[in-house]
PDB file of N, CA and C in Angstrom:
ATOM      1  N   MET A   1      -6.562  26.906  -6.310  1.00  0.00           N
ATOM      2  CA  MET A   1      -5.698  25.747  -6.484  1.00  0.00           C
ATOM      3  C   MET A   1      -6.564  24.510  -6.709  1.00  0.00           C
ATOM      4  N   ALA A   2      -6.191  23.717  -7.681  1.00  0.00           N
ATOM      5  CA  ALA A   2      -6.960  22.526  -8.037  1.00  0.00           C
ATOM      6  C   ALA A   2      -6.751  21.430  -6.998  1.00  0.00           C
ATOM      7  N   THR A   3      -7.816  20.714  -6.736  1.00  0.00           N
ATOM      8  CA  THR A   3      -7.712  19.593  -5.810  1.00  0.00           C
ATOM      9  C   THR A   3      -7.118  18.394  -6.531  1.00  0.00           C
ATOM     10  N   LEU A   4      -6.674  17.444  -5.762  1.00  0.00           N
ATOM     11  CA  LEU A   4      -6.103  16.223  -6.330  1.00  0.00           C
ATOM     12  C   LEU A   4      -7.104  15.545  -7.256  1.00  0.00           C
ATOM     13  N   GLU A   5      -8.349  15.484  -6.822  1.00  0.00           N
ATOM     14  CA  GLU A   5      -9.372  14.835  -7.648  1.00  0.00           C
ATOM     15  C   GLU A   5      -9.609  15.592  -8.953  1.00  0.00           C
ATOM     16  N   ASN A   6      -9.591  16.923  -8.899  1.00  0.00           N
ATOM     17  CA  ASN A   6      -9.772  17.716 -10.118  1.00  0.00           C
ATOM     18  C   ASN A   6      -8.625  17.484 -11.104  1.00  0.00           C
ATOM     19  N   ILE A   7      -7.417  17.423 -10.579  1.00  0.00           N
ATOM     20  CA  ILE A   7      -6.257  17.169 -11.445  1.00  0.00           C
ATOM     21  C   ILE A   7      -6.373  15.786 -12.074  1.00  0.00           C
ATOM     22  N   ARG A   8      -6.682  14.796 -11.244  1.00  0.00           N
ATOM     23  CA  ARG A   8      -6.810  13.424 -11.738  1.00  0.00           C
ATOM     24  C   ARG A   8      -7.894  13.325 -12.819  1.00  0.00           C
ATOM     25  N   ASN A   9      -9.045  13.921 -12.555  1.00  0.00           N
ATOM     26  CA  ASN A   9     -10.139  13.862 -13.532  1.00  0.00           C
ATOM     27  C   ASN A   9      -9.780  14.602 -14.817  1.00  0.00           C
ATOM     28  N   GLY A  10      -9.069  15.721 -14.697  1.00  0.00           N
ATOM     29  CA  GLY A  10      -8.634  16.449 -15.884  1.00  0.00           C
ATOM     30  C   GLY A  10      -7.684  15.617 -16.732  1.00  0.00           C
ATOM     31  N   LEU A  11      -6.767  14.933 -16.061  1.00  0.00           N
ATOM     32  CA  LEU A  11      -5.830  14.071 -16.781  1.00  0.00           C
ATOM     33  C   LEU A  11      -6.554  12.906 -17.463  1.00  0.00           C
ATOM     34  N   ILE A  12      -7.513  12.333 -16.767  1.00  0.00           N
ATOM     35  CA  ILE A  12      -8.280  11.230 -17.354  1.00  0.00           C
ATOM     36  C   ILE A  12      -8.999  11.702 -18.610  1.00  0.00           C
ATOM     37  N   ASP A  13      -9.622  12.865 -18.538  1.00  0.00           N
ATOM     38  CA  ASP A  13     -10.318  13.416 -19.708  1.00  0.00           C
ATOM     39  C   ASP A  13      -9.356  13.613 -20.875  1.00  0.00           C
ATOM     40  N   LYS A  14      -8.185  14.150 -20.583  1.00  0.00           N
ATOM     41  CA  LYS A  14      -7.195  14.385 -21.640  1.00  0.00           C
ATOM     42  C   LYS A  14      -6.701  13.065 -22.235  1.00  0.00           C
ATOM     43  N   ILE A  15      -6.446  12.086 -21.375  1.00  0.00           N
ATOM     44  CA  ILE A  15      -5.961  10.784 -21.857  1.00  0.00           C
ATOM     45  C   ILE A  15      -7.012  10.112 -22.737  1.00  0.00           C
ATOM     46  N   LEU A  16      -8.270  10.230 -22.346  1.00  0.00           N
ATOM     47  CA  LEU A  16      -9.340   9.614 -23.130  1.00  0.00           C
ATOM     48  C   LEU A  16      -9.447  10.205 -24.537  1.00  0.00           C
ATOM     49  N   SER A  17      -8.996  11.447 -24.699  1.00  0.00           N
ATOM     50  CA  SER A  17      -9.100  12.086 -26.015  1.00  0.00           C
ATOM     51  C   SER A  17      -7.890  11.807 -26.916  1.00  0.00           C
ATOM     52  N   ILE A  18      -6.833  11.210 -26.371  1.00  0.00           N
ATOM     53  CA  ILE A  18      -5.621  10.936 -27.149  1.00  0.00           C
ATOM     54  C   ILE A  18      -5.854   9.735 -28.062  1.00  0.00           C
ATOM     55  N   GLN A  19      -5.504   9.900 -29.345  1.00  0.00           N
ATOM     56  CA  GLN A  19      -5.674   8.834 -30.335  1.00  0.00           C
ATOM     57  C   GLN A  19      -4.339   8.217 -30.768  1.00  0.00           C
ATOM     58  N   ASN A  20      -3.236   8.831 -30.386  1.00  0.00           N
ATOM     59  CA  ASN A  20      -1.910   8.392 -30.805  1.00  0.00           C
ATOM     60  C   ASN A  20      -1.445   7.229 -29.919  1.00  0.00           C
ATOM     61  N   LYS A  21      -1.368   6.034 -30.508  1.00  0.00           N
ATOM     62  CA  LYS A  21      -1.006   4.825 -29.757  1.00  0.00           C
ATOM     63  C   LYS A  21       0.406   4.934 -29.182  1.00  0.00           C
ATOM     64  N   ASP A  22       1.367   5.431 -29.956  1.00  0.00           N
ATOM     65  CA  ASP A  22       2.747   5.552 -29.475  1.00  0.00           C
ATOM     66  C   ASP A  22       2.829   6.489 -28.275  1.00  0.00           C
ATOM     67  N   PHE A  23       2.084   7.577 -28.357  1.00  0.00           N
ATOM     68  CA  PHE A  23       2.071   8.525 -27.245  1.00  0.00           C
ATOM     69  C   PHE A  23       1.501   7.875 -25.991  1.00  0.00           C
ATOM     70  N   LEU A  24       0.406   7.134 -26.142  1.00  0.00           N
ATOM     71  CA  LEU A  24      -0.214   6.471 -24.994  1.00  0.00           C
ATOM     72  C   LEU A  24       0.702   5.403 -24.403  1.00  0.00           C
ATOM     73  N   GLU A  25       1.412   4.660 -25.268  1.00  0.00           N
ATOM     74  CA  GLU A  25       2.356   3.656 -24.766  1.00  0.00           C
ATOM     75  C   GLU A  25       3.489   4.324 -23.991  1.00  0.00           C
ATOM     76  N   SER A  26       3.974   5.450 -24.487  1.00  0.00           N
ATOM     77  CA  SER A  26       5.022   6.187 -23.784  1.00  0.00           C
ATOM     78  C   SER A  26       4.523   6.705 -22.445  1.00  0.00           C
ATOM     79  N   LEU A  27       3.318   7.236 -22.451  1.00  0.00           N
ATOM     80  CA  LEU A  27       2.716   7.736 -21.216  1.00  0.00           C
ATOM     81  C   LEU A  27       2.539   6.599 -20.210  1.00  0.00           C
ATOM     82  N   ASP A  28       2.133   5.439 -20.696  1.00  0.00           N
ATOM     83  CA  ASP A  28       1.974   4.271 -19.833  1.00  0.00           C
ATOM     84  C   ASP A  28       3.299   3.883 -19.182  1.00  0.00           C
ATOM     85  N   ARG A  29       4.375   3.911 -19.955  1.00  0.00           N
ATOM     86  CA  ARG A  29       5.698   3.578 -19.399  1.00  0.00           C
ATOM     87  C   ARG A  29       6.105   4.596 -18.333  1.00  0.00           C
ATOM     88  N   ILE A  30       5.850   5.865 -18.589  1.00  0.00           N
ATOM     89  CA  ILE A  30       6.197   6.906 -17.617  1.00  0.00           C
ATOM     90  C   ILE A  30       5.429   6.691 -16.317  1.00  0.00           C
ATOM     91  N   ILE A  31       4.129   6.463 -16.441  1.00  0.00           N
ATOM     92  CA  ILE A  31       3.298   6.275 -15.248  1.00  0.00           C
ATOM     93  C   ILE A  31       3.695   5.005 -14.508  1.00  0.00           C
ATOM     94  N   SER A  32       3.973   3.934 -15.237  1.00  0.00           N
ATOM     95  CA  SER A  32       4.370   2.673 -14.607  1.00  0.00           C
ATOM     96  C   SER A  32       5.683   2.821 -13.860  1.00  0.00           C
ATOM     97  N   ASN A  33       6.646   3.506 -14.446  1.00  0.00           N
ATOM     98  CA  ASN A  33       7.924   3.714 -13.779  1.00  0.00           C
ATOM     99  C   ASN A  33       7.766   4.574 -12.548  1.00  0.00           C
ATOM    100  N   ASP A  34       6.927   5.596 -12.610  1.00  0.00           N
ATOM    101  CA  ASP A  34       6.711   6.453 -11.454  1.00  0.00           C
ATOM    102  C   ASP A  34       6.011   5.696 -10.340  1.00  0.00           C
ATOM    103  N   SER A  35       5.074   4.817 -10.699  1.00  0.00           N
ATOM    104  CA  SER A  35       4.355   4.025  -9.694  1.00  0.00           C
ATOM    105  C   SER A  35       5.310   3.109  -8.952  1.00  0.00           C
ATOM    106  N   LYS A  36       6.261   2.525  -9.670  1.00  0.00           N
ATOM    107  CA  LYS A  36       7.232   1.630  -9.030  1.00  0.00           C
ATOM    108  C   LYS A  36       8.083   2.404  -8.039  1.00  0.00           C
ATOM    109  N   LYS A  37       8.514   3.607  -8.436  1.00  0.00           N
ATOM    110  CA  LYS A  37       9.342   4.411  -7.540  1.00  0.00           C
ATOM    111  C   LYS A  37       8.569   4.837  -6.305  1.00  0.00           C
ATOM    112  N   SER A  38       7.315   5.241  -6.487  1.00  0.00           N
ATOM    113  CA  SER A  38       6.539   5.715  -5.349  1.00  0.00           C
ATOM    114  C   SER A  38       6.120   4.581  -4.429  1.00  0.00           C
ATOM    115  N   SER A  39       6.152   3.331  -4.909  1.00  0.00           N
ATOM    116  CA  SER A  39       5.780   2.214  -4.057  1.00  0.00           C
ATOM    117  C   SER A  39       6.944   1.767  -3.168  1.00  0.00           C
ATOM    118  N   GLU A  40       8.143   2.232  -3.470  1.00  0.00           N
ATOM    119  CA  GLU A  40       9.294   1.918  -2.636  1.00  0.00           C
ATOM    120  C   GLU A  40       9.281   2.849  -1.430  1.00  0.00           C
ATOM    121  N   LYS A  41       9.146   2.280  -0.256  1.00  0.00           N
ATOM    122  CA  LYS A  41       9.046   3.066   0.964  1.00  0.00           C
ATOM    123  C   LYS A  41      10.296   2.900   1.804  1.00  0.00           C
ATOM    124  N   THR A  42      10.643   3.953   2.484  1.00  0.00           N
ATOM    125  CA  THR A  42      11.754   3.916   3.424  1.00  0.00           C
ATOM    126  C   THR A  42      11.175   3.736   4.811  1.00  0.00           C
ATOM    127  N   LEU A  43      11.687   2.758   5.524  1.00  0.00           N
ATOM    128  CA  LEU A  43      11.200   2.497   6.869  1.00  0.00           C
ATOM    129  C   LEU A  43      11.867   3.417   7.873  1.00  0.00           C
ATOM    130  N   THR A  44      11.102   3.800   8.877  1.00  0.00           N
ATOM    131  CA  THR A  44      11.660   4.595   9.965  1.00  0.00           C
ATOM    132  C   THR A  44      12.468   3.662  10.864  1.00  0.00           C
ATOM    133  N   PRO A  45      13.343   4.207  11.691  1.00  0.00           N
ATOM    134  CA  PRO A  45      14.082   3.352  12.628  1.00  0.00           C
ATOM    135  C   PRO A  45      13.151   2.545  13.537  1.00  0.00           C
ATOM    136  N   GLU A  46      12.036   3.163  13.926  1.00  0.00           N
ATOM    137  CA  GLU A  46      11.079   2.464  14.783  1.00  0.00           C
ATOM    138  C   GLU A  46      10.443   1.278  14.051  1.00  0.00           C
ATOM    139  N   GLN A  47      10.132   1.457  12.775  1.00  0.00           N
ATOM    140  CA  GLN A  47       9.551   0.365  11.997  1.00  0.00           C
ATOM    141  C   GLN A  47      10.550  -0.778  11.837  1.00  0.00           C
ATOM    142  N   LYS A  48      11.819  -0.433  11.635  1.00  0.00           N
ATOM    143  CA  LYS A  48      12.847  -1.467  11.518  1.00  0.00           C
ATOM    144  C   LYS A  48      12.972  -2.253  12.819  1.00  0.00           C
ATOM    145  N   ILE A  49      12.903  -1.567  13.952  1.00  0.00           N
ATOM    146  CA  ILE A  49      12.976  -2.233  15.252  1.00  0.00           C
ATOM    147  C   ILE A  49      11.792  -3.179  15.424  1.00  0.00           C
ATOM    148  N   MET A  50      10.602  -2.725  15.044  1.00  0.00           N
ATOM    149  CA  MET A  50       9.416  -3.568  15.163  1.00  0.00           C
ATOM    150  C   MET A  50       9.537  -4.817  14.291  1.00  0.00           C
ATOM    151  N   LEU A  51      10.077  -4.675  13.085  1.00  0.00           N
ATOM    152  CA  LEU A  51      10.269  -5.837  12.217  1.00  0.00           C
ATOM    153  C   LEU A  51      11.285  -6.805  12.812  1.00  0.00           C
ATOM    154  N   GLU A  52      12.352  -6.276  13.391  1.00  0.00           N
ATOM    155  CA  GLU A  52      13.346  -7.132  14.036  1.00  0.00           C
ATOM    156  C   GLU A  52      12.727  -7.879  15.214  1.00  0.00           C
ATOM    157  N   MET A  53      11.890  -7.177  15.974  1.00  0.00           N
ATOM    158  CA  MET A  53      11.222  -7.823  17.109  1.00  0.00           C
ATOM    159  C   MET A  53      10.283  -8.926  16.614  1.00  0.00           C
ATOM    160  N   SER A  54       9.605  -8.674  15.515  1.00  0.00           N
ATOM    161  CA  SER A  54       8.708  -9.684  14.939  1.00  0.00           C
ATOM    162  C   SER A  54       9.483 -10.910  14.498  1.00  0.00           C
ATOM    163  N   GLU A  55      10.626 -10.691  13.874  1.00  0.00           N
ATOM    164  CA  GLU A  55      11.464 -11.817  13.447  1.00  0.00           C
ATOM    165  C   GLU A  55      11.922 -12.637  14.642  1.00  0.00           C
ATOM    166  N   GLU A  56      12.286 -11.959  15.734  1.00  0.00           N
ATOM    167  CA  GLU A  56      12.686 -12.662  16.949  1.00  0.00           C
ATOM    168  C   GLU A  56      11.529 -13.492  17.493  1.00  0.00           C
ATOM    169  N   ASP A  57      10.315 -12.927  17.466  1.00  0.00           N
ATOM    170  CA  ASP A  57       9.141 -13.678  17.931  1.00  0.00           C
ATOM    171  C   ASP A  57       8.949 -14.939  17.099  1.00  0.00           C
ATOM    172  N   ILE A  58       9.107 -14.813  15.789  1.00  0.00           N
ATOM    173  CA  ILE A  58       8.941 -15.975  14.909  1.00  0.00           C
ATOM    174  C   ILE A  58       9.997 -17.027  15.220  1.00  0.00           C
ATOM    175  N   ILE A  59      11.244 -16.605  15.332  1.00  0.00           N
ATOM    176  CA  ILE A  59      12.351 -17.533  15.615  1.00  0.00           C
ATOM    177  C   ILE A  59      12.135 -18.252  16.937  1.00  0.00           C
ATOM    178  N   ASN A  60      11.628 -17.523  17.940  1.00  0.00           N
ATOM    179  CA  ASN A  60      11.449 -18.101  19.275  1.00  0.00           C
ATOM    180  C   ASN A  60      10.072 -18.727  19.475  1.00  0.00           C
ATOM    181  N   GLY A  61       9.293 -18.833  18.418  1.00  0.00           N
ATOM    182  CA  GLY A  61       8.009 -19.526  18.507  1.00  0.00           C
ATOM    183  C   GLY A  61       6.930 -18.765  19.250  1.00  0.00           C
ATOM    184  N   ARG A  62       7.114 -17.477  19.421  1.00  0.00           N
ATOM    185  CA  ARG A  62       6.092 -16.674  20.110  1.00  0.00           C
ATOM    186  C   ARG A  62       5.046 -16.225  19.082  1.00  0.00           C
ATOM    187  N   LEU A  63       4.203 -17.181  18.724  1.00  0.00           N
ATOM    188  CA  LEU A  63       3.197 -16.948  17.697  1.00  0.00           C
ATOM    189  C   LEU A  63       1.822 -17.287  18.240  1.00  0.00           C
ATOM    190  N   ILE A  64       0.798 -16.754  17.586  1.00  0.00           N
ATOM    191  CA  ILE A  64      -0.575 -17.097  17.922  1.00  0.00           C
ATOM    192  C   ILE A  64      -1.332 -17.221  16.607  1.00  0.00           C
ATOM    193  N   SER A  65      -2.161 -18.238  16.516  1.00  0.00           N
ATOM    194  CA  SER A  65      -2.870 -18.498  15.264  1.00  0.00           C
ATOM    195  C   SER A  65      -3.983 -17.463  15.047  1.00  0.00           C
ATOM    196  N   GLN A  66      -4.390 -17.327  13.807  1.00  0.00           N
ATOM    197  CA  GLN A  66      -5.494 -16.437  13.479  1.00  0.00           C
ATOM    198  C   GLN A  66      -6.755 -16.864  14.220  1.00  0.00           C
ATOM    199  N   GLU A  67      -6.953 -18.172  14.302  1.00  0.00           N
ATOM    200  CA  GLU A  67      -8.126 -18.707  15.000  1.00  0.00           C
ATOM    201  C   GLU A  67      -8.114 -18.301  16.473  1.00  0.00           C
ATOM    202  N   ALA A  68      -6.950 -18.386  17.107  1.00  0.00           N
ATOM    203  CA  ALA A  68      -6.844 -18.015  18.521  1.00  0.00           C
ATOM    204  C   ALA A  68      -7.078 -16.516  18.718  1.00  0.00           C
ATOM    205  N   ILE A  69      -6.579 -15.722  17.795  1.00  0.00           N
ATOM    206  CA  ILE A  69      -6.796 -14.267  17.867  1.00  0.00           C
ATOM    207  C   ILE A  69      -8.285 -13.960  17.760  1.00  0.00           C
ATOM    208  N   GLU A  70      -8.953 -14.601  16.802  1.00  0.00           N
ATOM    209  CA  GLU A  70     -10.384 -14.361  16.610  1.00  0.00           C
ATOM    210  C   GLU A  70     -11.173 -14.785  17.842  1.00  0.00           C
ATOM    211  N   LYS A  71     -10.802 -15.910  18.444  1.00  0.00           N
ATOM    212  CA  LYS A  71     -11.475 -16.376  19.662  1.00  0.00           C
ATOM    213  C   LYS A  71     -11.273 -15.373  20.791  1.00  0.00           C
ATOM    214  N   ARG A  72     -10.037 -14.891  20.952  1.00  0.00           N
ATOM    215  CA  ARG A  72      -9.721 -13.921  21.996  1.00  0.00           C
ATOM    216  C   ARG A  72     -10.501 -12.622  21.777  1.00  0.00           C
ATOM    217  N   ASN A  73     -10.571 -12.179  20.516  1.00  0.00           N
ATOM    218  CA  ASN A  73     -11.310 -10.951  20.214  1.00  0.00           C
ATOM    219  C   ASN A  73     -12.797 -11.112  20.503  1.00  0.00           C
ATOM    220  N   LEU A  74     -13.340 -12.261  20.147  1.00  0.00           N
ATOM    221  CA  LEU A  74     -14.755 -12.529  20.387  1.00  0.00           C
ATOM    222  C   LEU A  74     -15.049 -12.549  21.881  1.00  0.00           C
ATOM    223  N   GLU A  75     -14.170 -13.178  22.651  1.00  0.00           N
ATOM    224  CA  GLU A  75     -14.346 -13.196  24.114  1.00  0.00           C
ATOM    225  C   GLU A  75     -14.287 -11.784  24.681  1.00  0.00           C
ATOM    226  N   TRP A  76     -13.377 -10.982  24.172  1.00  0.00           N
ATOM    227  CA  TRP A  76     -13.244  -9.608  24.636  1.00  0.00           C
ATOM    228  C   TRP A  76     -14.494  -8.809  24.292  1.00  0.00           C
ATOM    229  N   LEU A  77     -15.015  -8.981  23.079  1.00  0.00           N
ATOM    230  CA  LEU A  77     -16.212  -8.260  22.666  1.00  0.00           C
ATOM    231  C   LEU A  77     -17.436  -8.670  23.499  1.00  0.00           C
ATOM    232  N   ASN A  78     -17.534  -9.949  23.788  1.00  0.00           N
ATOM    233  CA  ASN A  78     -18.665 -10.452  24.580  1.00  0.00           C
ATOM    234  C   ASN A  78     -18.600 -10.010  26.034  1.00  0.00           C
ATOM    235  N   ALA A  79     -17.407  -9.721  26.526  1.00  0.00           N
ATOM    236  CA  ALA A  79     -17.247  -9.287  27.916  1.00  0.00           C
ATOM    237  C   ALA A  79     -17.675  -7.835  28.103  1.00  0.00           C
ATOM    238  N   LYS A  80     -17.783  -7.089  27.046  1.00  0.00           N
ATOM    239  CA  LYS A  80     -18.142  -5.665  27.144  1.00  0.00           C
ATOM    240  C   LYS A  80     -19.609  -5.470  27.271  1.00  0.00           C
TER     241      LYS A  80
END
């Protein structure tokens, strides 16, 4: 069975040998449409709960700046 990398490299080799512009444009549209579909993710119920909790934190001002996080991390690292 071919590995993912072998399949990908085989396809790249085949695409590089294609001279037909219309065919390549069609192939590009197919790949672009598939990429858009695969980038759409379905969240698990747990992920949705975490996002809702994050929104509540934002609404209620329970935030910490990047600078404060970095300071806290540095203090933690230095304590070890």
